[in-house]
């Protein structure tokens, strides 16, 4: 599955947040940034990317397979 991965640029309290969603928005997860996902952001200015993931349980964050180039999704 391909998803868009976005992280918060700034939060005034608590850990950074992360959001994942599929193009049709049938699969969405938002929550605190996990240790596993924190390593996938190379810099502070890189706040979003697309990825191929496995997502067996949409109540949990997906599992990264690989980063992908930007997708032509409607904004």
PDB file of N, CA and C in Angstrom:
ATOM      1  N   UNK A   1       0.845  -1.163   0.000  1.00  0.00           N
ATOM      2  CA  UNK A   1       0.000   0.000   0.000  1.00  0.00           C
ATOM      3  C   UNK A   1       0.899   1.237   0.000  1.00  0.00           C
ATOM      4  N   UNK A   2       0.447   2.275  -0.690  1.00  0.00           N
ATOM      5  CA  UNK A   2       1.169   3.537  -0.694  1.00  0.00           C
ATOM      6  C   UNK A   2       0.454   4.510   0.228  1.00  0.00           C
ATOM      7  N   UNK A   3       1.225   5.181   1.074  1.00  0.00           N
ATOM      8  CA  UNK A   3       0.657   6.156   2.002  1.00  0.00           C
ATOM      9  C   UNK A   3       1.495   7.429   1.985  1.00  0.00           C
ATOM     10  N   UNK A   4       0.853   8.509   2.422  1.00  0.00           N
ATOM     11  CA  UNK A   4       1.563   9.755   2.667  1.00  0.00           C
ATOM     12  C   UNK A   4       1.881   9.788   4.153  1.00  0.00           C
ATOM     13  N   UNK A   5       3.114  10.138   4.478  1.00  0.00           N
ATOM     14  CA  UNK A   5       3.588  10.197   5.859  1.00  0.00           C
ATOM     15  C   UNK A   5       3.901  11.654   6.167  1.00  0.00           C
ATOM     16  N   UNK A   6       3.299  12.185   7.204  1.00  0.00           N
ATOM     17  CA  UNK A   6       3.534  13.578   7.576  1.00  0.00           C
ATOM     18  C   UNK A   6       3.822  13.652   9.058  1.00  0.00           C
ATOM     19  N   UNK A   7       4.737  14.546   9.426  1.00  0.00           N
ATOM     20  CA  UNK A   7       5.010  14.764  10.842  1.00  0.00           C
ATOM     21  C   UNK A   7       4.766  16.229  11.172  1.00  0.00           C
ATOM     22  N   UNK A   8       4.501  16.471  12.434  1.00  0.00           N
ATOM     23  CA  UNK A   8       4.312  17.841  12.871  1.00  0.00           C
ATOM     24  C   UNK A   8       5.653  18.560  12.832  1.00  0.00           C
ATOM     25  N   UNK A   9       5.632  19.818  12.434  1.00  0.00           N
ATOM     26  CA  UNK A   9       6.852  20.615  12.430  1.00  0.00           C
ATOM     27  C   UNK A   9       7.157  21.147  13.811  1.00  0.00           C
ATOM     28  N   UNK A  10       6.112  21.394  14.587  1.00  0.00           N
ATOM     29  CA  UNK A  10       6.296  21.974  15.911  1.00  0.00           C
ATOM     30  C   UNK A  10       5.139  21.538  16.793  1.00  0.00           C
ATOM     31  N   UNK A  11       5.425  21.212  18.004  1.00  0.00           N
ATOM     32  CA  UNK A  11       4.390  20.947  18.982  1.00  0.00           C
ATOM     33  C   UNK A  11       4.810  21.604  20.289  1.00  0.00           C
ATOM     34  N   UNK A  12       3.865  22.247  20.933  1.00  0.00           N
ATOM     35  CA  UNK A  12       4.207  22.983  22.153  1.00  0.00           C
ATOM     36  C   UNK A  12       4.292  22.075  23.373  1.00  0.00           C
ATOM     37  N   UNK A  13       3.720  20.896  23.275  1.00  0.00           N
ATOM     38  CA  UNK A  13       3.793  19.960  24.392  1.00  0.00           C
ATOM     39  C   UNK A  13       3.760  18.531  23.879  1.00  0.00           C
ATOM     40  N   UNK A  14       4.426  17.668  24.592  1.00  0.00           N
ATOM     41  CA  UNK A  14       4.435  16.262  24.223  1.00  0.00           C
ATOM     42  C   UNK A  14       5.356  15.981  23.052  1.00  0.00           C
ATOM     43  N   UNK A  15       5.403  14.719  22.652  1.00  0.00           N
ATOM     44  CA  UNK A  15       6.269  14.313  21.536  1.00  0.00           C
ATOM     45  C   UNK A  15       5.704  14.785  20.195  1.00  0.00           C
ATOM     46  N   UNK A  16       6.536  14.830  19.151  1.00  0.00           N
ATOM     47  CA  UNK A  16       6.036  15.161  17.816  1.00  0.00           C
ATOM     48  C   UNK A  16       4.940  14.174  17.411  1.00  0.00           C
ATOM     49  N   UNK A  17       4.064  14.626  16.545  1.00  0.00           N
ATOM     50  CA  UNK A  17       2.959  13.792  16.064  1.00  0.00           C
ATOM     51  C   UNK A  17       3.257  13.337  14.646  1.00  0.00           C
ATOM     52  N   UNK A  18       2.604  12.249  14.255  1.00  0.00           N
ATOM     53  CA  UNK A  18       2.779  11.708  12.912  1.00  0.00           C
ATOM     54  C   UNK A  18       1.411  11.298  12.376  1.00  0.00           C
ATOM     55  N   UNK A  19       1.241  11.456  11.065  1.00  0.00           N
ATOM     56  CA  UNK A  19      -0.006  11.136  10.387  1.00  0.00           C
ATOM     57  C   UNK A  19       0.311  10.305   9.156  1.00  0.00           C
ATOM     58  N   UNK A  20      -0.436   9.231   8.972  1.00  0.00           N
ATOM     59  CA  UNK A  20      -0.338   8.387   7.778  1.00  0.00           C
ATOM     60  C   UNK A  20      -1.717   8.285   7.161  1.00  0.00           C
ATOM     61  N   UNK A  21      -1.785   8.337   5.826  1.00  0.00           N
ATOM     62  CA  UNK A  21      -3.071   8.083   5.183  1.00  0.00           C
ATOM     63  C   UNK A  21      -2.872   7.616   3.752  1.00  0.00           C
ATOM     64  N   UNK A  22      -3.827   6.794   3.317  1.00  0.00           N
ATOM     65  CA  UNK A  22      -3.838   6.308   1.945  1.00  0.00           C
ATOM     66  C   UNK A  22      -4.513   7.361   1.068  1.00  0.00           C
ATOM     67  N   UNK A  23      -4.335   7.251  -0.237  1.00  0.00           N
ATOM     68  CA  UNK A  23      -4.888   8.259  -1.153  1.00  0.00           C
ATOM     69  C   UNK A  23      -6.398   8.389  -1.010  1.00  0.00           C
ATOM     70  N   UNK A  24      -7.102   7.274  -0.855  1.00  0.00           N
ATOM     71  CA  UNK A  24      -8.563   7.333  -0.727  1.00  0.00           C
ATOM     72  C   UNK A  24      -9.019   7.612   0.710  1.00  0.00           C
ATOM     73  N   UNK A  25      -8.077   7.765   1.623  1.00  0.00           N
ATOM     74  CA  UNK A  25      -8.314   8.096   3.040  1.00  0.00           C
ATOM     75  C   UNK A  25      -9.079   6.997   3.796  1.00  0.00           C
ATOM     76  N   UNK A  26      -9.102   5.795   3.228  1.00  0.00           N
ATOM     77  CA  UNK A  26      -9.746   4.679   3.939  1.00  0.00           C
ATOM     78  C   UNK A  26      -8.896   4.210   5.109  1.00  0.00           C
ATOM     79  N   UNK A  27      -7.593   4.410   4.991  1.00  0.00           N
ATOM     80  CA  UNK A  27      -6.668   4.041   6.061  1.00  0.00           C
ATOM     81  C   UNK A  27      -5.998   5.306   6.560  1.00  0.00           C
ATOM     82  N   UNK A  28      -6.251   5.626   7.821  1.00  0.00           N
ATOM     83  CA  UNK A  28      -5.669   6.819   8.443  1.00  0.00           C
ATOM     84  C   UNK A  28      -5.235   6.447   9.850  1.00  0.00           C
ATOM     85  N   UNK A  29      -4.072   6.946  10.237  1.00  0.00           N
ATOM     86  CA  UNK A  29      -3.606   6.790  11.617  1.00  0.00           C
ATOM     87  C   UNK A  29      -2.877   8.055  12.016  1.00  0.00           C
ATOM     88  N   UNK A  30      -3.176   8.572  13.198  1.00  0.00           N
ATOM     89  CA  UNK A  30      -2.476   9.726  13.740  1.00  0.00           C
ATOM     90  C   UNK A  30      -2.120   9.432  15.180  1.00  0.00           C
ATOM     91  N   UNK A  31      -0.894   9.776  15.553  1.00  0.00           N
ATOM     92  CA  UNK A  31      -0.476   9.530  16.929  1.00  0.00           C
ATOM     93  C   UNK A  31       0.899  10.098  17.186  1.00  0.00           C
ATOM     94  N   UNK A  32       1.449   9.759  18.346  1.00  0.00           N
ATOM     95  CA  UNK A  32       2.789  10.216  18.707  1.00  0.00           C
ATOM     96  C   UNK A  32       3.831   9.545  17.820  1.00  0.00           C
ATOM     97  N   UNK A  33       4.870  10.289  17.498  1.00  0.00           N
ATOM     98  CA  UNK A  33       5.977   9.768  16.692  1.00  0.00           C
ATOM     99  C   UNK A  33       6.613   8.589  17.429  1.00  0.00           C
ATOM    100  N   UNK A  34       6.790   7.490  16.708  1.00  0.00           N
ATOM    101  CA  UNK A  34       7.427   6.311  17.302  1.00  0.00           C
ATOM    102  C   UNK A  34       8.935   6.364  17.053  1.00  0.00           C
ATOM    103  N   UNK A  35       9.675   5.636  17.838  1.00  0.00           N
ATOM    104  CA  UNK A  35      11.127   5.559  17.658  1.00  0.00           C
ATOM    105  C   UNK A  35      11.444   5.013  16.269  1.00  0.00           C
ATOM    106  N   UNK A  36      10.713   4.017  15.830  1.00  0.00           N
ATOM    107  CA  UNK A  36      10.949   3.404  14.524  1.00  0.00           C
ATOM    108  C   UNK A  36      10.789   4.409  13.396  1.00  0.00           C
ATOM    109  N   UNK A  37       9.757   5.244  13.485  1.00  0.00           N
ATOM    110  CA  UNK A  37       9.499   6.199  12.413  1.00  0.00           C
ATOM    111  C   UNK A  37      10.383   7.431  12.500  1.00  0.00           C
ATOM    112  N   UNK A  38      10.832   7.795  13.667  1.00  0.00           N
ATOM    113  CA  UNK A  38      11.689   8.985  13.826  1.00  0.00           C
ATOM    114  C   UNK A  38      12.941   8.890  12.955  1.00  0.00           C
ATOM    115  N   UNK A  39      13.495   7.703  12.808  1.00  0.00           N
ATOM    116  CA  UNK A  39      14.725   7.521  12.039  1.00  0.00           C
ATOM    117  C   UNK A  39      14.541   7.741  10.538  1.00  0.00           C
ATOM    118  N   UNK A  40      13.306   7.757  10.051  1.00  0.00           N
ATOM    119  CA  UNK A  40      13.058   7.891   8.610  1.00  0.00           C
ATOM    120  C   UNK A  40      13.018   9.340   8.129  1.00  0.00           C
ATOM    121  N   UNK A  41      13.122  10.279   9.046  1.00  0.00           N
ATOM    122  CA  UNK A  41      13.185  11.682   8.644  1.00  0.00           C
ATOM    123  C   UNK A  41      14.630  12.144   8.708  1.00  0.00           C
ATOM    124  N   UNK A  42      15.153  12.578   7.576  1.00  0.00           N
ATOM    125  CA  UNK A  42      16.575  12.936   7.488  1.00  0.00           C
ATOM    126  C   UNK A  42      16.866  14.313   8.072  1.00  0.00           C
ATOM    127  N   UNK A  43      15.891  15.223   8.027  1.00  0.00           N
ATOM    128  CA  UNK A  43      16.139  16.574   8.518  1.00  0.00           C
ATOM    129  C   UNK A  43      14.846  17.183   9.041  1.00  0.00           C
ATOM    130  N   UNK A  44      14.980  18.245   9.783  1.00  0.00           N
ATOM    131  CA  UNK A  44      13.817  18.924  10.352  1.00  0.00           C
ATOM    132  C   UNK A  44      12.909  19.476   9.260  1.00  0.00           C
ATOM    133  N   UNK A  45      13.490  19.920   8.138  1.00  0.00           N
ATOM    134  CA  UNK A  45      12.683  20.517   7.066  1.00  0.00           C
ATOM    135  C   UNK A  45      11.936  19.475   6.234  1.00  0.00           C
ATOM    136  N   UNK A  46      12.284  18.224   6.372  1.00  0.00           N
ATOM    137  CA  UNK A  46      11.646  17.144   5.617  1.00  0.00           C
ATOM    138  C   UNK A  46      10.442  16.648   6.410  1.00  0.00           C
ATOM    139  N   UNK A  47       9.280  17.274   6.205  1.00  0.00           N
ATOM    140  CA  UNK A  47       8.135  16.946   7.055  1.00  0.00           C
ATOM    141  C   UNK A  47       7.141  15.985   6.431  1.00  0.00           C
ATOM    142  N   UNK A  48       7.374  15.582   5.191  1.00  0.00           N
ATOM    143  CA  UNK A  48       6.447  14.621   4.580  1.00  0.00           C
ATOM    144  C   UNK A  48       7.160  13.821   3.502  1.00  0.00           C
ATOM    145  N   UNK A  49       6.661  12.614   3.277  1.00  0.00           N
ATOM    146  CA  UNK A  49       7.120  11.803   2.163  1.00  0.00           C
ATOM    147  C   UNK A  49       6.097  10.714   1.910  1.00  0.00           C
ATOM    148  N   UNK A  50       6.210  10.082   0.760  1.00  0.00           N
ATOM    149  CA  UNK A  50       5.355   8.956   0.416  1.00  0.00           C
ATOM    150  C   UNK A  50       6.144   7.678   0.632  1.00  0.00           C
ATOM    151  N   UNK A  51       5.408   6.612   0.947  1.00  0.00           N
ATOM    152  CA  UNK A  51       6.087   5.354   1.231  1.00  0.00           C
ATOM    153  C   UNK A  51       5.220   4.170   0.848  1.00  0.00           C
ATOM    154  N   UNK A  52       5.896   3.098   0.501  1.00  0.00           N
ATOM    155  CA  UNK A  52       5.234   1.807   0.371  1.00  0.00           C
ATOM    156  C   UNK A  52       5.320   1.171   1.755  1.00  0.00           C
ATOM    157  N   UNK A  53       4.184   0.708   2.245  1.00  0.00           N
ATOM    158  CA  UNK A  53       4.137   0.160   3.598  1.00  0.00           C
ATOM    159  C   UNK A  53       3.338  -1.132   3.635  1.00  0.00           C
ATOM    160  N   UNK A  54       3.544  -1.875   4.710  1.00  0.00           N
ATOM    161  CA  UNK A  54       2.635  -2.948   5.105  1.00  0.00           C
ATOM    162  C   UNK A  54       1.824  -2.366   6.245  1.00  0.00           C
ATOM    163  N   UNK A  55       0.520  -2.595   6.230  1.00  0.00           N
ATOM    164  CA  UNK A  55      -0.327  -2.011   7.260  1.00  0.00           C
ATOM    165  C   UNK A  55      -1.381  -3.029   7.687  1.00  0.00           C
ATOM    166  N   UNK A  56      -0.952  -4.060   8.426  1.00  0.00           N
ATOM    167  CA  UNK A  56      -1.877  -5.131   8.803  1.00  0.00           C
ATOM    168  C   UNK A  56      -2.956  -4.699   9.796  1.00  0.00           C
ATOM    169  N   UNK A  57      -2.659  -3.676  10.608  1.00  0.00           N
ATOM    170  CA  UNK A  57      -3.619  -3.213  11.621  1.00  0.00           C
ATOM    171  C   UNK A  57      -3.627  -1.689  11.599  1.00  0.00           C
ATOM    172  N   UNK A  58      -4.672  -1.097  11.051  1.00  0.00           N
ATOM    173  CA  UNK A  58      -4.721   0.365  10.912  1.00  0.00           C
ATOM    174  C   UNK A  58      -4.935   1.077  12.243  1.00  0.00           C
ATOM    175  N   UNK A  59      -5.028   0.320  13.338  1.00  0.00           N
ATOM    176  CA  UNK A  59      -5.052   0.956  14.667  1.00  0.00           C
ATOM    177  C   UNK A  59      -3.637   1.230  15.155  1.00  0.00           C
ATOM    178  N   UNK A  60      -2.651   0.763  14.391  1.00  0.00           N
ATOM    179  CA  UNK A  60      -1.225   0.935  14.696  1.00  0.00           C
ATOM    180  C   UNK A  60      -0.553   1.609  13.498  1.00  0.00           C
ATOM    181  N   UNK A  61       0.624   2.231  13.698  1.00  0.00           N
ATOM    182  CA  UNK A  61       1.339   2.799  12.552  1.00  0.00           C
ATOM    183  C   UNK A  61       1.747   1.700  11.571  1.00  0.00           C
ATOM    184  N   UNK A  62       1.847   2.037  10.286  1.00  0.00           N
ATOM    185  CA  UNK A  62       2.270   1.039   9.298  1.00  0.00           C
ATOM    186  C   UNK A  62       3.751   0.701   9.432  1.00  0.00           C
ATOM    187  N   UNK A  63       4.165  -0.307   8.683  1.00  0.00           N
ATOM    188  CA  UNK A  63       5.556  -0.758   8.664  1.00  0.00           C
ATOM    189  C   UNK A  63       6.164  -0.327   7.330  1.00  0.00           C
ATOM    190  N   UNK A  64       7.227   0.447   7.377  1.00  0.00           N
ATOM    191  CA  UNK A  64       7.856   0.971   6.165  1.00  0.00           C
ATOM    192  C   UNK A  64       8.520  -0.144   5.364  1.00  0.00           C
ATOM    193  N   UNK A  65       8.244  -0.159   4.074  1.00  0.00           N
ATOM    194  CA  UNK A  65       8.974  -1.029   3.144  1.00  0.00           C
ATOM    195  C   UNK A  65      10.041  -0.190   2.450  1.00  0.00           C
ATOM    196  N   UNK A  66       9.594   0.941   1.834  1.00  0.00           N
ATOM    197  CA  UNK A  66      10.557   1.852   1.210  1.00  0.00           C
ATOM    198  C   UNK A  66       9.910   3.205   0.960  1.00  0.00           C
ATOM    199  N   UNK A  67      10.767   4.234   0.950  1.00  0.00           N
ATOM    200  CA  UNK A  67      10.321   5.579   0.578  1.00  0.00           C
ATOM    201  C   UNK A  67      10.099   5.614  -0.921  1.00  0.00           C
ATOM    202  N   UNK A  68       9.160   6.457  -1.348  1.00  0.00           N
ATOM    203  CA  UNK A  68       8.832   6.590  -2.763  1.00  0.00           C
ATOM    204  C   UNK A  68       8.954   8.047  -3.190  1.00  0.00           C
ATOM    205  N   UNK A  69       9.065   8.297  -4.503  1.00  0.00           N
ATOM    206  CA  UNK A  69       9.014   9.672  -4.979  1.00  0.00           C
ATOM    207  C   UNK A  69       7.624  10.268  -4.710  1.00  0.00           C
ATOM    208  N   UNK A  70       7.525  11.592  -4.774  1.00  0.00           N
ATOM    209  CA  UNK A  70       6.223  12.233  -4.616  1.00  0.00           C
ATOM    210  C   UNK A  70       5.212  11.623  -5.570  1.00  0.00           C
ATOM    211  N   UNK A  71       3.999  11.464  -5.091  1.00  0.00           N
ATOM    212  CA  UNK A  71       2.908  10.900  -5.881  1.00  0.00           C
ATOM    213  C   UNK A  71       2.012  12.030  -6.382  1.00  0.00           C
ATOM    214  N   UNK A  72       1.302  11.792  -7.435  1.00  0.00           N
ATOM    215  CA  UNK A  72       0.429  12.798  -8.027  1.00  0.00           C
ATOM    216  C   UNK A  72      -0.974  12.699  -7.416  1.00  0.00           C
ATOM    217  N   UNK A  73      -1.044  12.896  -6.099  1.00  0.00           N
ATOM    218  CA  UNK A  73      -2.318  12.849  -5.404  1.00  0.00           C
ATOM    219  C   UNK A  73      -2.936  14.238  -5.363  1.00  0.00           C
ATOM    220  N   UNK A  74      -4.257  14.323  -5.396  1.00  0.00           N
ATOM    221  CA  UNK A  74      -4.870  15.647  -5.188  1.00  0.00           C
ATOM    222  C   UNK A  74      -4.524  16.170  -3.812  1.00  0.00           C
ATOM    223  N   UNK A  75      -4.374  17.440  -3.682  1.00  0.00           N
ATOM    224  CA  UNK A  75      -4.018  18.034  -2.380  1.00  0.00           C
ATOM    225  C   UNK A  75      -5.233  18.242  -1.526  1.00  0.00           C
TER     226      UNK A  75
END
